[in-house]
């Protein structure tokens, strides 16, 4: 079941859902809430200087923990220009807290953002009991246009779903065999985190049969 604006407002009033800073009237949609762009941006690094010389970065998703990004922080009123084909990561302005045991959220791009030539590639799930800011991947899809974005503009929307069964906090925080990696994330620390070493060893060694023998 998808929550309407009336149910979302009631959930906020009862303390099952919280935004910091609080939502404003412009963010209120019939069955969703728009989220605003934050002030923290992460730009992919393409090279590094080593003792051997200037090396182009190779990103290994099994090994890297966000050190392949440069973080910059703007102040309200400043803007961020995306070059053609450029891809970045940004933070939401709002921190979200889900305290209800039967509510989760799904992130979607705003159609007006897509019409500007931006791809906000969101299929993200906000887990029950999640607390923190959210990561927004943004791509300038054009080949020749510089696209300007501003901290504070509405960048995406979250749709809230009611679960058919409540989850306890301990259960909700368990992702696979481990704890949720991004719980309590904030705008200052939204870069990717490694999966567990045990899983990585199976994958990098090619031992997928042993990997799949772990019980669901």
N, C-alpha and C. Protein backbone atom coordinates (compact mmCIF):
# COMPACT_ATOMS: atom_id res chain seq x y z
N UNK A 1 0.85 -1.19 0.00
CA UNK A 1 0.00 0.00 0.00
C UNK A 1 0.89 1.25 0.00
N UNK A 2 0.59 2.19 -0.87
CA UNK A 2 1.33 3.45 -0.94
C UNK A 2 0.61 4.51 -0.11
N UNK A 3 1.37 5.24 0.70
CA UNK A 3 0.78 6.25 1.56
C UNK A 3 0.48 7.54 0.79
N UNK A 4 -0.66 8.15 1.09
CA UNK A 4 -1.00 9.45 0.52
C UNK A 4 -0.44 10.56 1.41
N UNK A 5 -0.59 11.80 0.96
CA UNK A 5 -0.08 12.93 1.74
C UNK A 5 -0.70 12.99 3.13
N UNK A 6 -1.98 12.58 3.24
CA UNK A 6 -2.66 12.62 4.54
C UNK A 6 -2.06 11.61 5.51
N UNK A 7 -1.76 10.41 5.01
CA UNK A 7 -1.16 9.37 5.85
C UNK A 7 0.29 9.72 6.20
N UNK A 8 1.00 10.35 5.26
CA UNK A 8 2.37 10.77 5.52
C UNK A 8 2.38 11.85 6.62
N UNK A 9 1.46 12.80 6.52
CA UNK A 9 1.38 13.86 7.53
C UNK A 9 1.07 13.26 8.91
N UNK A 10 0.15 12.29 8.94
CA UNK A 10 -0.21 11.65 10.21
C UNK A 10 0.98 10.89 10.78
N UNK A 11 1.72 10.22 9.91
CA UNK A 11 2.90 9.46 10.35
C UNK A 11 3.94 10.40 10.97
N UNK A 12 4.11 11.58 10.37
CA UNK A 12 5.05 12.57 10.91
C UNK A 12 4.56 13.08 12.27
N UNK A 13 3.27 13.36 12.36
CA UNK A 13 2.71 13.87 13.62
C UNK A 13 2.84 12.86 14.74
N UNK A 14 2.74 11.58 14.41
CA UNK A 14 2.82 10.52 15.42
C UNK A 14 4.25 10.10 15.73
N UNK A 15 5.23 10.65 15.01
CA UNK A 15 6.62 10.35 15.28
C UNK A 15 7.18 9.14 14.56
N UNK A 16 6.39 8.52 13.68
CA UNK A 16 6.88 7.37 12.93
C UNK A 16 7.79 7.75 11.79
N UNK A 17 7.77 9.02 11.41
CA UNK A 17 8.60 9.53 10.31
C UNK A 17 9.06 10.93 10.68
N UNK A 18 10.34 11.20 10.43
CA UNK A 18 10.89 12.50 10.78
C UNK A 18 11.83 12.98 9.69
N UNK A 19 11.79 14.28 9.41
CA UNK A 19 12.72 14.91 8.48
C UNK A 19 13.46 16.04 9.21
N UNK A 20 14.74 16.17 8.92
CA UNK A 20 15.53 17.25 9.50
C UNK A 20 16.42 17.85 8.42
N UNK A 21 16.22 19.12 8.04
CA UNK A 21 15.20 20.03 8.55
C UNK A 21 13.79 19.57 8.15
N UNK A 22 12.78 20.16 8.81
CA UNK A 22 11.41 19.78 8.54
C UNK A 22 11.01 20.05 7.09
N UNK A 23 10.00 19.32 6.62
CA UNK A 23 9.49 19.54 5.27
C UNK A 23 8.82 20.91 5.17
N UNK A 24 8.82 21.46 3.97
CA UNK A 24 8.09 22.70 3.70
C UNK A 24 6.94 22.41 2.76
N UNK A 25 6.07 23.39 2.56
CA UNK A 25 4.87 23.18 1.76
C UNK A 25 5.12 22.85 0.31
N UNK A 26 6.26 23.24 -0.24
CA UNK A 26 6.57 22.95 -1.64
C UNK A 26 6.87 21.47 -1.87
N UNK A 27 7.21 20.75 -0.80
CA UNK A 27 7.59 19.34 -0.93
C UNK A 27 6.42 18.38 -0.83
N UNK A 28 5.26 18.92 -0.53
CA UNK A 28 4.07 18.11 -0.28
C UNK A 28 3.42 17.68 -1.59
N UNK A 29 3.45 16.37 -1.89
CA UNK A 29 2.85 15.83 -3.11
C UNK A 29 1.70 14.88 -2.75
N UNK A 30 0.81 14.55 -3.70
CA UNK A 30 -0.36 13.73 -3.38
C UNK A 30 -0.03 12.39 -2.73
N UNK A 31 1.01 11.71 -3.23
CA UNK A 31 1.38 10.42 -2.63
C UNK A 31 2.89 10.25 -2.63
N UNK A 32 3.59 11.34 -2.34
CA UNK A 32 5.05 11.31 -2.26
C UNK A 32 5.53 12.57 -1.55
N UNK A 33 6.81 12.59 -1.23
CA UNK A 33 7.46 13.76 -0.67
C UNK A 33 8.68 14.07 -1.52
N UNK A 34 8.80 15.32 -1.99
CA UNK A 34 9.99 15.74 -2.71
C UNK A 34 11.12 15.98 -1.73
N UNK A 35 12.33 15.60 -2.11
CA UNK A 35 13.51 15.87 -1.28
C UNK A 35 14.39 16.89 -1.99
N UNK A 36 15.07 17.69 -1.20
CA UNK A 36 15.89 18.77 -1.74
C UNK A 36 17.36 18.37 -1.82
N UNK A 37 18.05 19.00 -2.77
CA UNK A 37 19.47 18.77 -2.96
C UNK A 37 20.26 19.41 -1.83
N UNK A 38 21.21 18.66 -1.28
CA UNK A 38 22.04 19.17 -0.20
C UNK A 38 23.21 20.00 -0.71
N UNK A 39 24.15 20.26 0.19
CA UNK A 39 25.29 21.13 -0.13
C UNK A 39 26.58 20.34 -0.38
N UNK A 40 26.55 19.03 -0.17
CA UNK A 40 27.76 18.22 -0.28
C UNK A 40 27.73 17.43 -1.59
N UNK A 41 28.84 17.50 -2.34
CA UNK A 41 28.95 16.83 -3.63
C UNK A 41 30.24 16.02 -3.68
N UNK A 42 30.17 14.89 -4.36
CA UNK A 42 31.34 14.03 -4.53
C UNK A 42 31.64 13.89 -6.03
N UNK A 43 32.87 14.26 -6.40
CA UNK A 43 33.27 14.23 -7.81
C UNK A 43 34.28 13.10 -8.00
N UNK A 44 34.05 12.21 -8.97
CA UNK A 44 34.99 11.10 -9.18
C UNK A 44 36.38 11.61 -9.56
N UNK A 45 37.40 11.05 -8.92
CA UNK A 45 38.77 11.33 -9.31
C UNK A 45 39.13 10.44 -10.51
N UNK A 46 39.94 10.98 -11.41
CA UNK A 46 40.31 10.19 -12.59
C UNK A 46 41.80 9.82 -12.58
N UNK A 47 42.59 10.46 -11.71
CA UNK A 47 44.01 10.12 -11.64
C UNK A 47 44.55 10.43 -10.27
N UNK A 48 45.75 9.88 -9.99
CA UNK A 48 46.45 10.15 -8.74
C UNK A 48 47.95 10.20 -9.04
N UNK A 49 48.69 10.89 -8.17
CA UNK A 49 50.13 10.98 -8.32
C UNK A 49 50.78 10.00 -7.36
N UNK A 50 51.56 9.08 -7.87
CA UNK A 50 52.26 8.10 -7.05
C UNK A 50 53.76 8.25 -7.25
N UNK A 51 54.55 7.42 -6.57
CA UNK A 51 56.00 7.45 -6.73
C UNK A 51 56.41 7.05 -8.14
N UNK A 52 55.51 6.34 -8.84
CA UNK A 52 55.80 5.93 -10.22
C UNK A 52 55.44 7.00 -11.23
N UNK A 53 54.59 7.93 -10.82
CA UNK A 53 54.16 8.98 -11.73
C UNK A 53 52.67 9.23 -11.64
N UNK A 54 52.12 9.81 -12.68
CA UNK A 54 50.68 10.08 -12.74
C UNK A 54 49.95 8.85 -13.25
N UNK A 55 49.10 8.27 -12.41
CA UNK A 55 48.40 7.04 -12.75
C UNK A 55 46.91 7.30 -12.88
N UNK A 56 46.31 6.75 -13.93
CA UNK A 56 44.87 6.82 -14.09
C UNK A 56 44.24 5.84 -13.11
N UNK A 57 43.21 6.28 -12.41
CA UNK A 57 42.58 5.46 -11.39
C UNK A 57 41.77 4.32 -11.99
N UNK A 58 41.97 3.15 -11.46
CA UNK A 58 41.12 2.01 -11.76
C UNK A 58 40.26 1.74 -10.53
N UNK A 59 38.95 1.81 -10.67
CA UNK A 59 38.05 1.64 -9.54
C UNK A 59 37.67 0.17 -9.42
N UNK A 60 38.05 -0.44 -8.31
CA UNK A 60 37.69 -1.82 -8.02
C UNK A 60 36.57 -1.80 -7.00
N UNK A 61 35.38 -2.15 -7.43
CA UNK A 61 34.21 -2.09 -6.54
C UNK A 61 34.33 -3.04 -5.36
N UNK A 62 35.19 -4.06 -5.49
CA UNK A 62 35.39 -5.01 -4.40
C UNK A 62 36.33 -4.46 -3.33
N UNK A 63 37.12 -3.44 -3.69
CA UNK A 63 38.16 -2.97 -2.78
C UNK A 63 37.96 -1.54 -2.30
N UNK A 64 37.48 -0.65 -3.18
CA UNK A 64 37.42 0.76 -2.84
C UNK A 64 36.38 1.09 -1.79
N UNK A 65 36.70 2.08 -0.95
CA UNK A 65 35.74 2.57 0.03
C UNK A 65 35.60 4.08 -0.09
N UNK A 66 35.39 4.55 -1.33
CA UNK A 66 35.10 5.95 -1.52
C UNK A 66 36.28 6.86 -1.68
N UNK A 67 37.52 6.31 -1.65
CA UNK A 67 38.67 7.18 -1.78
C UNK A 67 38.89 7.64 -3.22
N UNK A 68 38.03 7.21 -4.13
CA UNK A 68 38.13 7.64 -5.52
C UNK A 68 37.24 8.85 -5.81
N UNK A 69 36.79 9.53 -4.76
CA UNK A 69 35.97 10.73 -4.92
C UNK A 69 36.61 11.91 -4.20
N UNK A 70 36.40 13.08 -4.77
CA UNK A 70 36.78 14.33 -4.11
C UNK A 70 35.51 15.00 -3.60
N UNK A 71 35.49 15.35 -2.34
CA UNK A 71 34.30 15.97 -1.74
C UNK A 71 34.43 17.49 -1.75
N UNK A 72 33.37 18.16 -2.18
CA UNK A 72 33.32 19.61 -2.05
C UNK A 72 32.00 19.99 -1.38
N UNK A 73 32.01 21.10 -0.67
CA UNK A 73 30.80 21.54 0.02
C UNK A 73 30.51 22.99 -0.34
N UNK A 74 29.29 23.24 -0.77
CA UNK A 74 28.87 24.59 -1.12
C UNK A 74 28.08 25.20 0.02
N UNK A 75 27.76 26.47 -0.12
CA UNK A 75 26.86 27.13 0.81
C UNK A 75 25.60 27.51 0.04
N UNK A 76 24.45 27.62 0.72
CA UNK A 76 23.22 28.02 0.03
C UNK A 76 23.42 29.31 -0.75
N UNK A 77 22.95 29.31 -2.00
CA UNK A 77 23.14 30.45 -2.89
C UNK A 77 24.20 30.19 -3.94
N UNK A 78 25.13 29.28 -3.65
CA UNK A 78 26.09 28.88 -4.66
C UNK A 78 25.47 27.82 -5.56
N UNK A 79 26.12 27.54 -6.68
CA UNK A 79 25.60 26.55 -7.61
C UNK A 79 26.68 25.55 -8.00
N UNK A 80 26.26 24.49 -8.65
CA UNK A 80 27.17 23.44 -9.11
C UNK A 80 26.92 23.21 -10.59
N UNK A 81 27.94 23.40 -11.41
CA UNK A 81 27.83 23.18 -12.86
C UNK A 81 28.29 21.76 -13.19
N UNK A 82 27.42 21.01 -13.86
CA UNK A 82 27.78 19.68 -14.35
C UNK A 82 28.18 19.78 -15.81
N UNK A 83 29.40 19.34 -16.10
CA UNK A 83 29.89 19.32 -17.47
C UNK A 83 29.17 18.24 -18.27
N UNK A 84 29.11 18.35 -19.59
CA UNK A 84 28.49 17.31 -20.41
C UNK A 84 29.10 15.94 -20.12
N UNK A 85 28.24 14.97 -19.86
CA UNK A 85 28.68 13.61 -19.59
C UNK A 85 29.21 13.39 -18.18
N UNK A 86 29.22 14.43 -17.35
CA UNK A 86 29.79 14.30 -16.01
C UNK A 86 28.81 13.60 -15.06
N UNK A 87 29.35 12.75 -14.22
CA UNK A 87 28.56 12.02 -13.23
C UNK A 87 29.10 12.33 -11.84
N UNK A 88 28.20 12.65 -10.90
CA UNK A 88 28.61 12.97 -9.54
C UNK A 88 27.66 12.28 -8.55
N UNK A 89 27.99 12.40 -7.29
CA UNK A 89 27.12 11.96 -6.21
C UNK A 89 26.85 13.17 -5.33
N UNK A 90 25.60 13.33 -4.92
CA UNK A 90 25.24 14.45 -4.04
C UNK A 90 24.44 13.92 -2.85
N UNK A 91 24.32 14.75 -1.86
CA UNK A 91 23.55 14.41 -0.66
C UNK A 91 22.19 15.10 -0.70
N UNK A 92 21.21 14.47 -0.08
CA UNK A 92 19.95 15.17 0.15
C UNK A 92 20.14 16.20 1.24
N UNK A 93 19.38 17.28 1.17
CA UNK A 93 19.41 18.28 2.23
C UNK A 93 18.82 17.70 3.51
N UNK A 94 17.74 16.94 3.35
CA UNK A 94 17.04 16.40 4.50
C UNK A 94 17.65 15.09 4.98
N UNK A 95 17.75 14.98 6.27
CA UNK A 95 18.02 13.70 6.92
C UNK A 95 16.65 13.06 7.20
N UNK A 96 16.53 11.78 6.93
CA UNK A 96 15.26 11.10 7.13
C UNK A 96 15.40 10.06 8.23
N UNK A 97 14.38 9.95 9.07
CA UNK A 97 14.35 8.94 10.11
C UNK A 97 13.03 8.18 10.01
N UNK A 98 13.12 6.87 9.84
CA UNK A 98 11.94 6.01 9.78
C UNK A 98 11.86 5.20 11.07
N UNK A 99 10.89 5.52 11.90
CA UNK A 99 10.74 4.84 13.18
C UNK A 99 9.59 3.84 13.20
N UNK A 100 8.71 3.91 12.22
CA UNK A 100 7.58 2.98 12.17
C UNK A 100 8.06 1.59 11.74
N UNK A 101 7.62 0.53 12.38
CA UNK A 101 8.10 -0.82 12.06
C UNK A 101 7.49 -1.41 10.79
N UNK A 102 6.57 -0.71 10.15
CA UNK A 102 5.90 -1.26 8.97
C UNK A 102 5.92 -0.31 7.77
N UNK A 103 6.90 0.61 7.75
CA UNK A 103 6.99 1.59 6.67
C UNK A 103 8.39 1.57 6.06
N UNK A 104 8.47 1.57 4.73
CA UNK A 104 9.73 1.73 4.02
C UNK A 104 9.50 2.70 2.88
N UNK A 105 10.58 3.18 2.26
CA UNK A 105 10.44 4.15 1.19
C UNK A 105 11.21 3.74 -0.05
N UNK A 106 10.78 4.26 -1.19
CA UNK A 106 11.49 4.05 -2.46
C UNK A 106 11.72 5.41 -3.11
N UNK A 107 12.95 5.64 -3.55
CA UNK A 107 13.33 6.90 -4.18
C UNK A 107 13.10 6.86 -5.68
N UNK A 108 12.58 7.97 -6.21
CA UNK A 108 12.38 8.12 -7.65
C UNK A 108 12.86 9.50 -8.09
N UNK A 109 13.30 9.65 -9.34
CA UNK A 109 13.66 10.98 -9.84
C UNK A 109 12.40 11.82 -10.08
N UNK A 110 12.55 13.12 -10.08
CA UNK A 110 11.47 14.01 -10.49
C UNK A 110 11.53 14.15 -12.01
N UNK A 111 10.39 14.10 -12.66
CA UNK A 111 10.36 14.17 -14.13
C UNK A 111 10.88 15.51 -14.63
N UNK A 112 10.67 16.59 -13.85
CA UNK A 112 11.15 17.90 -14.28
C UNK A 112 12.68 17.96 -14.30
N UNK A 113 13.33 17.18 -13.44
CA UNK A 113 14.79 17.10 -13.45
C UNK A 113 15.27 16.36 -14.69
N UNK A 114 14.59 15.27 -15.02
CA UNK A 114 14.97 14.50 -16.21
C UNK A 114 14.82 15.34 -17.49
N UNK A 115 13.81 16.20 -17.52
CA UNK A 115 13.58 17.02 -18.71
C UNK A 115 14.69 18.03 -18.95
N UNK A 116 15.47 18.32 -17.93
CA UNK A 116 16.58 19.27 -18.08
C UNK A 116 17.81 18.61 -18.68
N UNK A 117 17.74 17.31 -18.90
CA UNK A 117 18.90 16.61 -19.44
C UNK A 117 19.72 15.90 -18.39
N UNK A 118 19.19 15.87 -17.16
CA UNK A 118 19.87 15.18 -16.08
C UNK A 118 19.27 13.80 -15.87
N UNK A 119 20.10 12.86 -15.52
CA UNK A 119 19.63 11.55 -15.13
C UNK A 119 19.89 11.39 -13.64
N UNK A 120 18.83 11.34 -12.87
CA UNK A 120 18.94 11.05 -11.44
C UNK A 120 18.59 9.58 -11.30
N UNK A 121 19.62 8.77 -11.30
CA UNK A 121 19.44 7.32 -11.46
C UNK A 121 19.10 6.68 -10.13
N UNK A 122 17.83 6.76 -9.76
CA UNK A 122 17.40 6.29 -8.46
C UNK A 122 16.48 5.09 -8.55
N UNK A 123 16.83 4.05 -7.87
CA UNK A 123 15.92 2.95 -7.59
C UNK A 123 16.17 2.53 -6.14
N UNK A 124 16.55 3.52 -5.33
CA UNK A 124 17.00 3.22 -3.98
C UNK A 124 15.88 2.89 -3.03
N UNK A 125 16.17 2.00 -2.11
CA UNK A 125 15.23 1.62 -1.06
C UNK A 125 15.66 2.27 0.25
N UNK A 126 14.71 2.87 0.95
CA UNK A 126 14.95 3.39 2.30
C UNK A 126 14.36 2.37 3.26
N UNK A 127 15.24 1.68 3.96
CA UNK A 127 14.80 0.57 4.79
C UNK A 127 14.05 1.04 6.02
N UNK A 128 13.17 0.18 6.50
CA UNK A 128 12.52 0.41 7.78
C UNK A 128 13.58 0.67 8.86
N UNK A 129 13.36 1.72 9.65
CA UNK A 129 14.25 2.14 10.74
C UNK A 129 15.53 2.83 10.24
N UNK A 130 15.62 3.12 8.92
CA UNK A 130 16.80 3.84 8.44
C UNK A 130 16.84 5.25 9.03
N UNK A 131 18.04 5.72 9.30
CA UNK A 131 18.23 7.08 9.77
C UNK A 131 19.46 7.66 9.08
N UNK A 132 19.30 8.80 8.40
CA UNK A 132 20.45 9.43 7.77
C UNK A 132 20.07 10.20 6.53
N UNK A 133 21.07 10.86 5.93
CA UNK A 133 20.90 11.50 4.62
C UNK A 133 20.92 10.44 3.54
N UNK A 134 20.55 10.83 2.33
CA UNK A 134 20.48 9.89 1.22
C UNK A 134 21.41 10.32 0.10
N UNK A 135 21.94 9.35 -0.62
CA UNK A 135 22.86 9.59 -1.72
C UNK A 135 22.11 9.72 -3.03
N UNK A 136 22.42 10.76 -3.80
CA UNK A 136 21.76 11.01 -5.07
C UNK A 136 22.79 10.98 -6.20
N UNK A 137 22.81 9.94 -7.05
CA UNK A 137 23.71 9.95 -8.21
C UNK A 137 23.10 10.79 -9.34
N UNK A 138 23.88 11.72 -9.88
CA UNK A 138 23.39 12.64 -10.90
C UNK A 138 24.31 12.60 -12.12
N UNK A 139 23.73 12.47 -13.31
CA UNK A 139 24.49 12.41 -14.55
C UNK A 139 23.96 13.46 -15.52
N UNK A 140 24.87 14.23 -16.11
CA UNK A 140 24.51 15.14 -17.20
C UNK A 140 24.53 14.32 -18.49
N UNK A 141 23.36 14.02 -19.02
CA UNK A 141 23.26 13.13 -20.18
C UNK A 141 23.56 13.82 -21.50
N UNK A 142 23.67 15.13 -21.49
CA UNK A 142 23.87 15.86 -22.75
C UNK A 142 25.31 15.74 -23.22
N UNK A 143 25.53 16.04 -24.49
CA UNK A 143 26.88 15.99 -25.06
C UNK A 143 27.52 17.36 -25.17
N UNK A 144 26.74 18.42 -24.99
CA UNK A 144 27.30 19.76 -25.20
C UNK A 144 26.83 20.81 -24.21
N UNK A 145 25.86 20.47 -23.33
CA UNK A 145 25.29 21.47 -22.43
C UNK A 145 25.86 21.36 -21.02
N UNK A 146 26.21 22.50 -20.45
CA UNK A 146 26.53 22.56 -19.03
C UNK A 146 25.21 22.79 -18.29
N UNK A 147 24.93 21.97 -17.29
CA UNK A 147 23.67 22.07 -16.56
C UNK A 147 23.96 22.49 -15.13
N UNK A 148 23.31 23.54 -14.70
CA UNK A 148 23.54 24.13 -13.38
C UNK A 148 22.47 23.67 -12.39
N UNK A 149 22.92 23.21 -11.23
CA UNK A 149 22.00 22.82 -10.17
C UNK A 149 22.34 23.59 -8.90
N UNK A 150 21.34 23.72 -8.03
CA UNK A 150 21.50 24.55 -6.84
C UNK A 150 21.15 23.75 -5.58
N UNK A 151 21.97 23.83 -4.53
CA UNK A 151 21.55 23.28 -3.25
C UNK A 151 20.21 23.87 -2.83
N UNK A 152 19.32 23.01 -2.42
CA UNK A 152 17.98 23.45 -2.00
C UNK A 152 16.90 23.18 -3.02
N UNK A 153 17.27 22.95 -4.29
CA UNK A 153 16.21 22.65 -5.26
C UNK A 153 15.72 21.21 -5.07
N UNK A 154 14.44 21.00 -5.42
CA UNK A 154 13.86 19.66 -5.28
C UNK A 154 14.43 18.76 -6.37
N UNK A 155 15.05 17.65 -5.96
CA UNK A 155 15.82 16.83 -6.88
C UNK A 155 15.22 15.45 -7.11
N UNK A 156 14.51 14.92 -6.09
CA UNK A 156 13.94 13.57 -6.22
C UNK A 156 12.72 13.48 -5.32
N UNK A 157 12.08 12.32 -5.32
CA UNK A 157 10.90 12.13 -4.48
C UNK A 157 10.94 10.75 -3.85
N UNK A 158 10.35 10.66 -2.67
CA UNK A 158 10.28 9.38 -1.97
C UNK A 158 8.82 8.98 -1.80
N UNK A 159 8.54 7.74 -2.16
CA UNK A 159 7.21 7.15 -2.01
C UNK A 159 7.28 6.17 -0.84
N UNK A 160 6.33 6.29 0.08
CA UNK A 160 6.34 5.42 1.26
C UNK A 160 5.36 4.27 1.08
N UNK A 161 5.82 3.08 1.43
CA UNK A 161 5.02 1.86 1.32
C UNK A 161 4.80 1.26 2.70
N UNK A 162 3.61 0.71 2.90
CA UNK A 162 3.29 0.03 4.16
C UNK A 162 3.54 -1.47 3.98
N UNK A 163 4.33 -2.06 4.87
CA UNK A 163 4.62 -3.48 4.80
C UNK A 163 3.44 -4.31 5.31
N UNK A 164 3.31 -5.52 4.81
CA UNK A 164 2.21 -6.37 5.25
C UNK A 164 2.50 -6.98 6.61
N UNK A 165 3.75 -6.88 7.06
CA UNK A 165 4.14 -7.39 8.37
C UNK A 165 5.18 -6.47 8.98
N UNK A 166 5.04 -6.19 10.27
CA UNK A 166 6.01 -5.33 10.94
C UNK A 166 7.36 -6.03 11.06
N UNK A 167 8.43 -5.21 11.08
CA UNK A 167 9.78 -5.71 11.31
C UNK A 167 10.31 -5.13 12.61
N UNK A 168 11.00 -5.96 13.39
CA UNK A 168 11.72 -5.44 14.54
C UNK A 168 12.95 -4.71 14.06
N UNK A 169 13.51 -3.83 14.90
CA UNK A 169 14.66 -3.03 14.48
C UNK A 169 15.86 -3.91 14.16
N UNK A 170 16.11 -4.93 14.98
CA UNK A 170 17.25 -5.82 14.75
C UNK A 170 17.11 -6.55 13.42
N UNK A 171 15.90 -6.99 13.11
CA UNK A 171 15.62 -7.68 11.85
C UNK A 171 15.80 -6.74 10.67
N UNK A 172 15.31 -5.51 10.82
CA UNK A 172 15.39 -4.53 9.73
C UNK A 172 16.83 -4.11 9.44
N UNK A 173 17.68 -4.13 10.47
CA UNK A 173 19.07 -3.70 10.30
C UNK A 173 19.96 -4.80 9.74
N UNK A 174 19.43 -6.01 9.61
CA UNK A 174 20.23 -7.12 9.08
C UNK A 174 20.08 -7.19 7.57
N UNK A 175 21.18 -6.95 6.85
CA UNK A 175 21.19 -6.99 5.39
C UNK A 175 22.08 -8.14 4.96
N UNK A 176 21.47 -9.18 4.43
CA UNK A 176 22.24 -10.37 4.13
C UNK A 176 22.70 -11.00 5.44
N UNK A 177 24.01 -11.17 5.58
CA UNK A 177 24.56 -11.74 6.81
C UNK A 177 25.14 -10.68 7.73
N UNK A 178 24.95 -9.41 7.38
CA UNK A 178 25.63 -8.35 8.12
C UNK A 178 24.68 -7.20 8.44
N UNK A 179 25.18 -6.23 9.17
CA UNK A 179 24.39 -5.06 9.52
C UNK A 179 24.34 -4.09 8.34
N UNK A 180 23.31 -3.26 8.31
CA UNK A 180 23.15 -2.27 7.25
C UNK A 180 24.38 -1.36 7.17
N UNK A 181 24.93 -1.20 5.96
CA UNK A 181 26.18 -0.45 5.80
C UNK A 181 26.00 1.05 5.91
N UNK A 182 24.85 1.55 5.50
CA UNK A 182 24.71 2.99 5.35
C UNK A 182 23.78 3.62 6.38
N UNK A 183 23.37 2.85 7.38
CA UNK A 183 22.55 3.41 8.45
C UNK A 183 23.34 4.51 9.15
N UNK A 184 22.68 5.62 9.46
CA UNK A 184 23.28 6.79 10.11
C UNK A 184 24.24 7.55 9.20
N UNK A 185 24.14 7.35 7.89
CA UNK A 185 24.98 8.12 6.97
C UNK A 185 24.57 9.59 7.00
N UNK A 186 25.55 10.46 6.79
CA UNK A 186 25.22 11.89 6.67
C UNK A 186 25.89 12.44 5.42
N UNK A 187 25.62 13.69 5.14
CA UNK A 187 26.14 14.30 3.92
C UNK A 187 27.65 14.30 3.83
N UNK A 188 28.31 14.22 4.99
CA UNK A 188 29.77 14.24 5.02
C UNK A 188 30.38 12.87 4.73
N UNK A 189 29.56 11.84 4.70
CA UNK A 189 30.11 10.49 4.53
C UNK A 189 29.12 9.61 3.80
N UNK A 190 29.00 9.83 2.49
CA UNK A 190 28.05 9.07 1.69
C UNK A 190 28.73 8.17 0.66
N UNK A 191 30.05 8.08 0.72
CA UNK A 191 30.77 7.29 -0.27
C UNK A 191 30.52 5.80 -0.03
N UNK A 192 30.86 5.00 -1.05
CA UNK A 192 30.56 3.57 -0.99
C UNK A 192 31.40 2.87 0.07
N UNK A 193 30.85 1.79 0.60
CA UNK A 193 31.55 0.97 1.58
C UNK A 193 31.65 -0.46 1.06
N UNK A 194 32.70 -1.13 1.44
CA UNK A 194 32.93 -2.49 0.97
C UNK A 194 31.92 -3.46 1.55
N UNK A 195 31.65 -4.52 0.79
CA UNK A 195 30.92 -5.65 1.34
C UNK A 195 31.87 -6.42 2.26
N UNK A 196 31.39 -7.44 2.93
CA UNK A 196 32.23 -8.17 3.88
C UNK A 196 33.35 -8.91 3.16
N UNK A 197 34.47 -9.05 3.86
CA UNK A 197 35.63 -9.71 3.29
C UNK A 197 35.32 -11.15 2.90
N UNK A 198 34.47 -11.81 3.69
CA UNK A 198 34.12 -13.19 3.40
C UNK A 198 33.48 -13.32 2.02
N UNK A 199 32.53 -12.44 1.71
CA UNK A 199 31.86 -12.49 0.42
C UNK A 199 32.81 -12.10 -0.71
N UNK A 200 33.65 -11.08 -0.47
CA UNK A 200 34.58 -10.63 -1.49
C UNK A 200 35.56 -11.74 -1.88
N UNK A 201 36.04 -12.50 -0.90
CA UNK A 201 36.98 -13.59 -1.18
C UNK A 201 36.35 -14.62 -2.11
N UNK A 202 35.10 -14.98 -1.84
CA UNK A 202 34.41 -15.94 -2.71
C UNK A 202 34.32 -15.41 -4.14
N UNK A 203 33.96 -14.14 -4.30
CA UNK A 203 33.75 -13.55 -5.62
C UNK A 203 35.06 -13.43 -6.39
N UNK A 204 36.10 -12.88 -5.74
CA UNK A 204 37.36 -12.64 -6.44
C UNK A 204 38.10 -13.94 -6.77
N UNK A 205 37.84 -14.99 -5.99
CA UNK A 205 38.47 -16.28 -6.27
C UNK A 205 37.69 -17.06 -7.32
N UNK A 206 36.49 -16.59 -7.65
CA UNK A 206 35.65 -17.30 -8.62
C UNK A 206 34.93 -18.49 -8.03
N UNK A 207 34.93 -18.61 -6.72
CA UNK A 207 34.31 -19.77 -6.06
C UNK A 207 32.83 -19.49 -5.80
N UNK A 208 32.08 -19.37 -6.88
CA UNK A 208 30.66 -19.02 -6.75
C UNK A 208 29.83 -20.18 -6.19
N UNK A 209 30.31 -21.41 -6.41
CA UNK A 209 29.58 -22.57 -5.89
C UNK A 209 29.57 -22.53 -4.36
N UNK A 210 30.72 -22.24 -3.76
CA UNK A 210 30.79 -22.15 -2.30
C UNK A 210 29.97 -20.96 -1.80
N UNK A 211 30.01 -19.86 -2.56
CA UNK A 211 29.22 -18.68 -2.20
C UNK A 211 27.75 -19.01 -2.13
N UNK A 212 27.25 -19.74 -3.14
CA UNK A 212 25.82 -20.06 -3.19
C UNK A 212 25.42 -21.14 -2.19
N UNK A 213 26.39 -21.77 -1.54
CA UNK A 213 26.07 -22.78 -0.53
C UNK A 213 25.71 -22.16 0.81
N UNK A 214 25.92 -20.83 0.93
CA UNK A 214 25.51 -20.17 2.17
C UNK A 214 23.97 -20.10 2.21
N UNK A 215 23.44 -20.58 3.30
CA UNK A 215 21.98 -20.73 3.41
C UNK A 215 21.29 -19.38 3.42
N UNK A 216 20.14 -19.28 2.73
CA UNK A 216 19.33 -18.06 2.66
C UNK A 216 18.63 -17.86 4.01
